[in-house]
Protein backbone atom coordinates (compact mmCIF):
# COMPACT_ATOMS: atom_id res chain seq x y z
CA UNK A 1 0.00 0.00 0.00
CA UNK A 2 1.11 3.53 -0.77
CA UNK A 3 0.10 6.79 0.89
CA UNK A 4 -1.78 9.49 -1.00
CA UNK A 5 -3.45 12.79 -0.14
CA UNK A 6 -6.64 14.35 -1.45
CA UNK A 7 -6.74 18.13 -1.86
CA UNK A 8 -10.33 19.29 -2.20
CA UNK A 9 -11.54 22.72 -3.29
CA UNK A 10 -15.18 23.57 -3.82
CA UNK A 11 -17.28 26.52 -4.78
CA UNK A 12 -19.30 27.44 -1.75
CA UNK A 13 -21.42 30.15 -3.30
CA UNK A 14 -21.80 30.67 -7.04
CA UNK A 15 -22.97 34.26 -6.59
CA UNK A 16 -19.83 35.37 -4.77
CA UNK A 17 -17.49 32.89 -6.51
CA UNK A 18 -16.12 31.95 -3.07
CA UNK A 19 -13.89 28.85 -3.18
CA UNK A 20 -13.09 26.88 -0.03
CA UNK A 21 -10.26 24.42 0.56
CA UNK A 22 -10.47 21.39 2.81
CA UNK A 23 -7.34 20.36 4.75
CA UNK A 24 -5.54 17.49 2.97
CA UNK A 25 -7.02 14.04 3.55
CA UNK A 26 -4.52 11.18 3.73
CA UNK A 27 -5.42 7.67 2.61
CA UNK A 28 -3.79 4.50 1.36
CA UNK A 29 -4.26 2.73 -1.96
CA UNK A 30 -2.53 -0.13 -3.71
CA UNK A 31 -1.64 1.98 -6.77
CA UNK A 32 -2.32 5.26 -8.59
CA UNK A 33 -5.37 3.87 -10.41
CA UNK A 34 -7.04 2.90 -7.15
CA UNK A 35 -6.20 6.30 -5.67
CA UNK A 36 -7.78 8.03 -8.68
CA UNK A 37 -10.90 5.83 -8.41
CA UNK A 38 -11.21 6.83 -4.75
CA UNK A 39 -11.18 10.50 -5.74
CA UNK A 40 -13.74 9.91 -8.50
CA UNK A 41 -16.05 8.16 -6.05
CA UNK A 42 -15.74 11.06 -3.61
CA UNK A 43 -16.40 13.61 -6.38
CA UNK A 44 -19.48 11.75 -7.58
CA UNK A 45 -20.81 11.63 -4.01
CA UNK A 46 -20.13 15.29 -3.16
CA UNK A 47 -21.36 16.82 -6.42
CA UNK A 48 -24.00 18.25 -6.69
CA UNK A 49 -25.22 17.42 -3.19
CA UNK A 50 -22.64 19.54 -1.34
CA UNK A 51 -20.99 21.77 -3.95
CA UNK A 52 -21.97 23.15 -7.37
CA UNK A 53 -18.31 23.05 -8.48
CA UNK A 54 -15.65 20.74 -7.12
CA UNK A 55 -11.95 20.10 -7.72
CA UNK A 56 -10.11 17.14 -6.20
CA UNK A 57 -6.39 16.61 -6.70
CA UNK A 58 -4.69 13.36 -5.72
CA UNK A 59 -1.04 13.60 -4.73
CA UNK A 60 1.23 10.65 -4.00
CA UNK A 61 3.41 10.99 -0.92
CA UNK A 62 6.38 9.65 -2.89
CA UNK A 63 6.08 12.56 -5.38
CA UNK A 64 4.35 15.48 -3.63
CA UNK A 65 5.19 17.92 -6.42
CA UNK A 66 2.70 16.78 -9.03
CA UNK A 67 -0.90 15.57 -8.82
CA UNK A 68 -1.43 12.08 -10.23
CA UNK A 69 -5.11 12.85 -10.84
CA UNK A 70 -7.38 15.85 -11.03
CA UNK A 71 -11.14 15.36 -10.90
CA UNK A 72 -13.59 18.17 -11.59
CA UNK A 73 -17.32 18.33 -11.21
CA UNK A 74 -19.08 19.35 -13.25
CA UNK A 75 -16.92 17.68 -15.84
CA UNK A 76 -15.23 20.29 -18.03
CA UNK A 77 -13.81 19.85 -21.50
């Protein structure tokens, strides 16, 4: 198992365009694909129930400089 962190930002209020950031959430996964699937599951659960716009970045503890996945809701082109 490897350690990863989720960095979550969400739009709290569309009228004021106020973005909030959640403190990093650490978790373990067997590989990068499983870590990305975890983030996708979280994004699908949180949007649109809790946030109209959502950004989740997954960062591996072995390479904290670059996200291995970036999930947005709503999905943008």
